[in-house]
Amino acid sequence: YSQFPVGDHTLFVGEVLEAYANRGALAGDVYDIGKTKLVFHVGGDSFATLESKVLRPKI
Protein backbone atom coordinates (compact mmCIF):
# COMPACT_ATOMS: atom_id res chain seq x y z
CA TYR A 1 0.00 0.00 0.00
CA SER A 2 0.94 3.67 -0.24
CA GLN A 3 0.21 6.45 2.20
CA PHE A 4 0.10 10.19 1.60
CA PRO A 5 -0.17 13.02 4.14
CA VAL A 6 -3.26 15.12 3.34
CA GLY A 7 -3.66 18.03 5.75
CA ASP A 8 -4.31 16.62 9.22
CA HIS A 9 -5.09 13.15 7.80
CA THR A 10 -3.26 10.36 6.02
CA LEU A 11 -4.66 8.89 2.80
CA PHE A 12 -4.02 5.16 2.41
CA VAL A 13 -4.21 3.65 -1.09
CA GLY A 14 -4.19 -0.09 -1.53
CA GLU A 15 -5.92 -3.11 -2.99
CA VAL A 16 -9.04 -4.48 -1.29
CA LEU A 17 -8.46 -8.22 -0.99
CA GLU A 18 -11.69 -9.19 0.74
CA ALA A 19 -14.86 -7.49 1.98
CA TYR A 20 -17.98 -8.57 3.86
CA ALA A 21 -21.55 -7.23 4.04
CA ASN A 22 -24.81 -8.44 5.52
CA ARG A 23 -26.89 -9.66 2.54
CA GLY A 24 -29.94 -7.90 3.97
CA ALA A 25 -28.11 -4.57 3.68
CA LEU A 26 -27.83 -4.84 -0.11
CA ALA A 27 -30.25 -4.14 -2.93
CA GLY A 28 -28.64 -5.96 -5.83
CA ASP A 29 -25.00 -4.93 -5.79
CA VAL A 30 -25.37 -1.63 -3.87
CA TYR A 31 -26.19 -0.77 -0.26
CA ASP A 32 -29.90 -0.25 0.48
CA ILE A 33 -29.66 3.07 2.35
CA GLY A 34 -33.13 2.47 3.78
CA LYS A 35 -31.65 -0.43 5.75
CA THR A 36 -28.16 0.91 6.45
CA LYS A 37 -26.61 4.08 7.82
CA LEU A 38 -23.32 4.68 6.07
CA VAL A 39 -20.99 7.14 7.79
CA PHE A 40 -19.20 9.84 5.78
CA HIS A 41 -16.29 12.04 6.83
CA VAL A 42 -17.31 15.61 5.93
CA GLY A 43 -14.20 17.41 7.15
CA GLY A 44 -12.12 17.92 10.27
CA ASP A 45 -13.64 15.87 13.08
CA SER A 46 -17.15 15.92 11.55
CA PHE A 47 -19.04 12.91 10.28
CA ALA A 48 -22.57 12.53 8.89
CA THR A 49 -25.04 9.99 7.57
CA LEU A 50 -27.33 10.44 4.58
CA GLU A 51 -31.08 10.61 4.72
CA SER A 52 -32.80 7.66 3.06
CA LYS A 53 -33.63 9.53 -0.16
CA VAL A 54 -31.61 8.95 -3.32
CA LEU A 55 -31.42 11.72 -5.92
CA ARG A 56 -30.54 10.76 -9.48
CA PRO A 57 -30.03 13.22 -12.35
CA LYS A 58 -32.47 13.07 -15.26
CA ILE A 59 -30.54 12.07 -18.36
PDB file of N, CA and C in Angstrom:
ATOM      1  N   TYR A   1       0.829  -1.173   0.000  1.00  0.00           N
ATOM      2  CA  TYR A   1       0.000   0.000   0.000  1.00  0.00           C
ATOM      3  C   TYR A   1       0.873   1.236   0.000  1.00  0.00           C
ATOM      4  N   SER A   2       0.258   2.376  -0.297  1.00  0.00           N
ATOM      5  CA  SER A   2       0.940   3.671  -0.245  1.00  0.00           C
ATOM      6  C   SER A   2       0.180   4.562   0.718  1.00  0.00           C
ATOM      7  N   GLN A   3       0.875   5.487   1.329  1.00  0.00           N
ATOM      8  CA  GLN A   3       0.208   6.449   2.200  1.00  0.00           C
ATOM      9  C   GLN A   3       0.718   7.843   1.886  1.00  0.00           C
ATOM     10  N   PHE A   4      -0.202   8.819   1.947  1.00  0.00           N
ATOM     11  CA  PHE A   4       0.102  10.194   1.598  1.00  0.00           C
ATOM     12  C   PHE A   4      -0.451  11.122   2.668  1.00  0.00           C
ATOM     13  N   PRO A   5       0.365  12.044   3.195  1.00  0.00           N
ATOM     14  CA  PRO A   5      -0.167  13.020   4.137  1.00  0.00           C
ATOM     15  C   PRO A   5      -1.079  13.998   3.394  1.00  0.00           C
ATOM     16  N   VAL A   6      -2.280  14.215   3.939  1.00  0.00           N
ATOM     17  CA  VAL A   6      -3.257  15.124   3.344  1.00  0.00           C
ATOM     18  C   VAL A   6      -3.796  15.992   4.474  1.00  0.00           C
ATOM     19  N   GLY A   7      -3.231  17.167   4.651  1.00  0.00           N
ATOM     20  CA  GLY A   7      -3.659  18.030   5.752  1.00  0.00           C
ATOM     21  C   GLY A   7      -3.408  17.339   7.075  1.00  0.00           C
ATOM     22  N   ASP A   8      -4.451  17.259   7.911  1.00  0.00           N
ATOM     23  CA  ASP A   8      -4.309  16.620   9.223  1.00  0.00           C
ATOM     24  C   ASP A   8      -4.669  15.136   9.183  1.00  0.00           C
ATOM     25  N   HIS A   9      -4.743  14.556   7.971  1.00  0.00           N
ATOM     26  CA  HIS A   9      -5.090  13.145   7.797  1.00  0.00           C
ATOM     27  C   HIS A   9      -4.024  12.449   6.962  1.00  0.00           C
ATOM     28  N   THR A  10      -4.108  11.147   6.898  1.00  0.00           N
ATOM     29  CA  THR A  10      -3.256  10.356   6.018  1.00  0.00           C
ATOM     30  C   THR A  10      -4.150   9.547   5.097  1.00  0.00           C
ATOM     31  N   LEU A  11      -3.913   9.644   3.791  1.00  0.00           N
ATOM     32  CA  LEU A  11      -4.665   8.888   2.796  1.00  0.00           C
ATOM     33  C   LEU A  11      -3.915   7.594   2.516  1.00  0.00           C
ATOM     34  N   PHE A  12      -4.594   6.463   2.697  1.00  0.00           N
ATOM     35  CA  PHE A  12      -4.019   5.155   2.410  1.00  0.00           C
ATOM     36  C   PHE A  12      -4.610   4.645   1.101  1.00  0.00           C
ATOM     37  N   VAL A  13      -3.767   4.194   0.191  1.00  0.00           N
ATOM     38  CA  VAL A  13      -4.205   3.652  -1.091  1.00  0.00           C
ATOM     39  C   VAL A  13      -3.679   2.226  -1.185  1.00  0.00           C
ATOM     40  N   GLY A  14      -4.591   1.299  -1.440  1.00  0.00           N
ATOM     41  CA  GLY A  14      -4.185  -0.091  -1.531  1.00  0.00           C
ATOM     42  C   GLY A  14      -5.229  -0.910  -2.263  1.00  0.00           C
ATOM     43  N   GLU A  15      -5.010  -2.195  -2.330  1.00  0.00           N
ATOM     44  CA  GLU A  15      -5.917  -3.114  -2.995  1.00  0.00           C
ATOM     45  C   GLU A  15      -6.798  -3.795  -1.955  1.00  0.00           C
ATOM     46  N   VAL A  16      -8.120  -3.773  -2.177  1.00  0.00           N
ATOM     47  CA  VAL A  16      -9.045  -4.482  -1.290  1.00  0.00           C
ATOM     48  C   VAL A  16      -8.986  -5.960  -1.667  1.00  0.00           C
ATOM     49  N   LEU A  17      -8.595  -6.789  -0.721  1.00  0.00           N
ATOM     50  CA  LEU A  17      -8.459  -8.219  -0.993  1.00  0.00           C
ATOM     51  C   LEU A  17      -9.712  -8.998  -0.641  1.00  0.00           C
ATOM     52  N   GLU A  18     -10.488  -8.487   0.302  1.00  0.00           N
ATOM     53  CA  GLU A  18     -11.687  -9.190   0.741  1.00  0.00           C
ATOM     54  C   GLU A  18     -12.590  -8.191   1.451  1.00  0.00           C
ATOM     55  N   ALA A  19     -13.903  -8.369   1.303  1.00  0.00           N
ATOM     56  CA  ALA A  19     -14.863  -7.491   1.976  1.00  0.00           C
ATOM     57  C   ALA A  19     -16.096  -8.307   2.340  1.00  0.00           C
ATOM     58  N   TYR A  20     -16.793  -7.871   3.378  1.00  0.00           N
ATOM     59  CA  TYR A  20     -17.984  -8.574   3.857  1.00  0.00           C
ATOM     60  C   TYR A  20     -19.125  -7.584   4.036  1.00  0.00           C
ATOM     61  N   ALA A  21     -20.352  -8.046   3.802  1.00  0.00           N
ATOM     62  CA  ALA A  21     -21.545  -7.231   4.044  1.00  0.00           C
ATOM     63  C   ALA A  21     -22.696  -8.162   4.379  1.00  0.00           C
ATOM     64  N   ASN A  22     -23.596  -7.708   5.213  1.00  0.00           N
ATOM     65  CA  ASN A  22     -24.814  -8.437   5.516  1.00  0.00           C
ATOM     66  C   ASN A  22     -25.683  -8.432   4.261  1.00  0.00           C
ATOM     67  N   ARG A  23     -26.086  -9.583   3.772  1.00  0.00           N
ATOM     68  CA  ARG A  23     -26.890  -9.658   2.540  1.00  0.00           C
ATOM     69  C   ARG A  23     -28.159  -8.814   2.627  1.00  0.00           C
ATOM     70  N   GLY A  24     -28.738  -8.700   3.808  1.00  0.00           N
ATOM     71  CA  GLY A  24     -29.944  -7.900   3.975  1.00  0.00           C
ATOM     72  C   GLY A  24     -29.708  -6.411   3.814  1.00  0.00           C
ATOM     73  N   ALA A  25     -28.447  -5.990   3.822  1.00  0.00           N
ATOM     74  CA  ALA A  25     -28.114  -4.571   3.679  1.00  0.00           C
ATOM     75  C   ALA A  25     -27.964  -4.163   2.215  1.00  0.00           C
ATOM     76  N   LEU A  26     -28.048  -5.135   1.306  1.00  0.00           N
ATOM     77  CA  LEU A  26     -27.826  -4.840  -0.106  1.00  0.00           C
ATOM     78  C   LEU A  26     -29.111  -4.920  -0.910  1.00  0.00           C
ATOM     79  N   ALA A  27     -29.182  -4.088  -1.932  1.00  0.00           N
ATOM     80  CA  ALA A  27     -30.248  -4.142  -2.931  1.00  0.00           C
ATOM     81  C   ALA A  27     -29.535  -4.384  -4.257  1.00  0.00           C
ATOM     82  N   GLY A  28     -29.451  -5.630  -4.664  1.00  0.00           N
ATOM     83  CA  GLY A  28     -28.639  -5.964  -5.832  1.00  0.00           C
ATOM     84  C   GLY A  28     -27.175  -5.910  -5.436  1.00  0.00           C
ATOM     85  N   ASP A  29     -26.428  -5.040  -6.094  1.00  0.00           N
ATOM     86  CA  ASP A  29     -24.998  -4.934  -5.785  1.00  0.00           C
ATOM     87  C   ASP A  29     -24.633  -3.610  -5.112  1.00  0.00           C
ATOM     88  N   VAL A  30     -25.627  -2.896  -4.575  1.00  0.00           N
ATOM     89  CA  VAL A  30     -25.372  -1.632  -3.867  1.00  0.00           C
ATOM     90  C   VAL A  30     -26.051  -1.669  -2.504  1.00  0.00           C
ATOM     91  N   TYR A  31     -25.574  -0.840  -1.585  1.00  0.00           N
ATOM     92  CA  TYR A  31     -26.194  -0.765  -0.264  1.00  0.00           C
ATOM     93  C   TYR A  31     -27.599  -0.191  -0.362  1.00  0.00           C
ATOM     94  N   ASP A  32     -28.538  -0.772   0.359  1.00  0.00           N
ATOM     95  CA  ASP A  32     -29.901  -0.246   0.481  1.00  0.00           C
ATOM     96  C   ASP A  32     -29.861   0.766   1.618  1.00  0.00           C
ATOM     97  N   ILE A  33     -29.833   2.072   1.302  1.00  0.00           N
ATOM     98  CA  ILE A  33     -29.663   3.074   2.352  1.00  0.00           C
ATOM     99  C   ILE A  33     -30.892   3.212   3.240  1.00  0.00           C
ATOM    100  N   GLY A  34     -31.986   2.531   2.887  1.00  0.00           N
ATOM    101  CA  GLY A  34     -33.128   2.470   3.784  1.00  0.00           C
ATOM    102  C   GLY A  34     -32.902   1.486   4.919  1.00  0.00           C
ATOM    103  N   LYS A  35     -31.940   0.586   4.739  1.00  0.00           N
ATOM    104  CA  LYS A  35     -31.646  -0.434   5.746  1.00  0.00           C
ATOM    105  C   LYS A  35     -30.301  -0.224   6.420  1.00  0.00           C
ATOM    106  N   THR A  36     -29.499   0.679   5.904  1.00  0.00           N
ATOM    107  CA  THR A  36     -28.163   0.910   6.451  1.00  0.00           C
ATOM    108  C   THR A  36     -27.953   2.390   6.725  1.00  0.00           C
ATOM    109  N   LYS A  37     -27.021   2.697   7.554  1.00  0.00           N
ATOM    110  CA  LYS A  37     -26.614   4.077   7.818  1.00  0.00           C
ATOM    111  C   LYS A  37     -25.113   4.157   7.585  1.00  0.00           C
ATOM    112  N   LEU A  38     -24.730   4.529   6.382  1.00  0.00           N
ATOM    113  CA  LEU A  38     -23.320   4.680   6.068  1.00  0.00           C
ATOM    114  C   LEU A  38     -22.816   5.972   6.699  1.00  0.00           C
ATOM    115  N   VAL A  39     -21.574   5.976   7.141  1.00  0.00           N
ATOM    116  CA  VAL A  39     -20.987   7.142   7.795  1.00  0.00           C
ATOM    117  C   VAL A  39     -19.982   7.780   6.843  1.00  0.00           C
ATOM    118  N   PHE A  40     -20.074   9.099   6.683  1.00  0.00           N
ATOM    119  CA  PHE A  40     -19.200   9.837   5.780  1.00  0.00           C
ATOM    120  C   PHE A  40     -18.413  10.883   6.551  1.00  0.00           C
ATOM    121  N   HIS A  41     -17.130  10.997   6.244  1.00  0.00           N
ATOM    122  CA  HIS A  41     -16.293  12.041   6.834  1.00  0.00           C
ATOM    123  C   HIS A  41     -16.522  13.307   6.013  1.00  0.00           C
ATOM    124  N   VAL A  42     -16.982  14.377   6.644  1.00  0.00           N
ATOM    125  CA  VAL A  42     -17.306  15.608   5.928  1.00  0.00           C
ATOM    126  C   VAL A  42     -16.305  16.722   6.173  1.00  0.00           C
ATOM    127  N   GLY A  43     -15.251  16.436   6.922  1.00  0.00           N
ATOM    128  CA  GLY A  43     -14.197  17.414   7.153  1.00  0.00           C
ATOM    129  C   GLY A  43     -13.840  17.521   8.620  1.00  0.00           C
ATOM    130  N   GLY A  44     -12.568  17.776   8.887  1.00  0.00           N
ATOM    131  CA  GLY A  44     -12.122  17.922  10.271  1.00  0.00           C
ATOM    132  C   GLY A  44     -12.496  16.713  11.100  1.00  0.00           C
ATOM    133  N   ASP A  45     -13.170  16.961  12.216  1.00  0.00           N
ATOM    134  CA  ASP A  45     -13.637  15.873  13.080  1.00  0.00           C
ATOM    135  C   ASP A  45     -15.127  15.610  12.900  1.00  0.00           C
ATOM    136  N   SER A  46     -15.701  16.039  11.778  1.00  0.00           N
ATOM    137  CA  SER A  46     -17.146  15.924  11.554  1.00  0.00           C
ATOM    138  C   SER A  46     -17.483  14.747  10.650  1.00  0.00           C
ATOM    139  N   PHE A  47     -18.544  14.042  11.035  1.00  0.00           N
ATOM    140  CA  PHE A  47     -19.044  12.908  10.275  1.00  0.00           C
ATOM    141  C   PHE A  47     -20.552  13.053  10.141  1.00  0.00           C
ATOM    142  N   ALA A  48     -21.131  12.433   9.108  1.00  0.00           N
ATOM    143  CA  ALA A  48     -22.573  12.531   8.892  1.00  0.00           C
ATOM    144  C   ALA A  48     -23.076  11.257   8.239  1.00  0.00           C
ATOM    145  N   THR A  49     -24.386  11.051   8.321  1.00  0.00           N
ATOM    146  CA  THR A  49     -25.044   9.991   7.566  1.00  0.00           C
ATOM    147  C   THR A  49     -25.961  10.664   6.559  1.00  0.00           C
ATOM    148  N   LEU A  50     -26.409   9.911   5.582  1.00  0.00           N
ATOM    149  CA  LEU A  50     -27.326  10.439   4.582  1.00  0.00           C
ATOM    150  C   LEU A  50     -28.756  10.131   4.976  1.00  0.00           C
ATOM    151  N   GLU A  51     -29.681  10.975   4.528  1.00  0.00           N
ATOM    152  CA  GLU A  51     -31.075  10.610   4.721  1.00  0.00           C
ATOM    153  C   GLU A  51     -31.410   9.525   3.705  1.00  0.00           C
ATOM    154  N   SER A  52     -32.501   8.834   3.898  1.00  0.00           N
ATOM    155  CA  SER A  52     -32.795   7.658   3.063  1.00  0.00           C
ATOM    156  C   SER A  52     -33.494   8.025   1.752  1.00  0.00           C
ATOM    157  N   LYS A  53     -33.091   9.131   1.141  1.00  0.00           N
ATOM    158  CA  LYS A  53     -33.631   9.528  -0.156  1.00  0.00           C
ATOM    159  C   LYS A  53     -32.469   9.572  -1.142  1.00  0.00           C
ATOM    160  N   VAL A  54     -32.645   8.955  -2.301  1.00  0.00           N
ATOM    161  CA  VAL A  54     -31.606   8.948  -3.324  1.00  0.00           C
ATOM    162  C   VAL A  54     -32.031   9.882  -4.445  1.00  0.00           C
ATOM    163  N   LEU A  55     -31.154  10.808  -4.812  1.00  0.00           N
ATOM    164  CA  LEU A  55     -31.419  11.719  -5.923  1.00  0.00           C
ATOM    165  C   LEU A  55     -30.593  11.276  -7.117  1.00  0.00           C
ATOM    166  N   ARG A  56     -31.244  11.154  -8.257  1.00  0.00           N
ATOM    167  CA  ARG A  56     -30.544  10.764  -9.477  1.00  0.00           C
ATOM    168  C   ARG A  56     -30.825  11.813 -10.548  1.00  0.00           C
ATOM    169  N   PRO A  57     -29.803  12.212 -11.305  1.00  0.00           N
ATOM    170  CA  PRO A  57     -30.034  13.216 -12.353  1.00  0.00           C
ATOM    171  C   PRO A  57     -30.880  12.637 -13.480  1.00  0.00           C
ATOM    172  N   LYS A  58     -31.704  13.489 -14.090  1.00  0.00           N
ATOM    173  CA  LYS A  58     -32.471  13.068 -15.264  1.00  0.00           C
ATOM    174  C   LYS A  58     -31.557  13.178 -16.471  1.00  0.00           C
ATOM    175  N   ILE A  59     -31.446  12.080 -17.194  1.00  0.00           N
ATOM    176  CA  ILE A  59     -30.543  12.069 -18.361  1.00  0.00           C
ATOM    177  C   ILE A  59     -31.361  11.989 -19.624  1.00  0.00           C
TER     178      ILE A  59
END
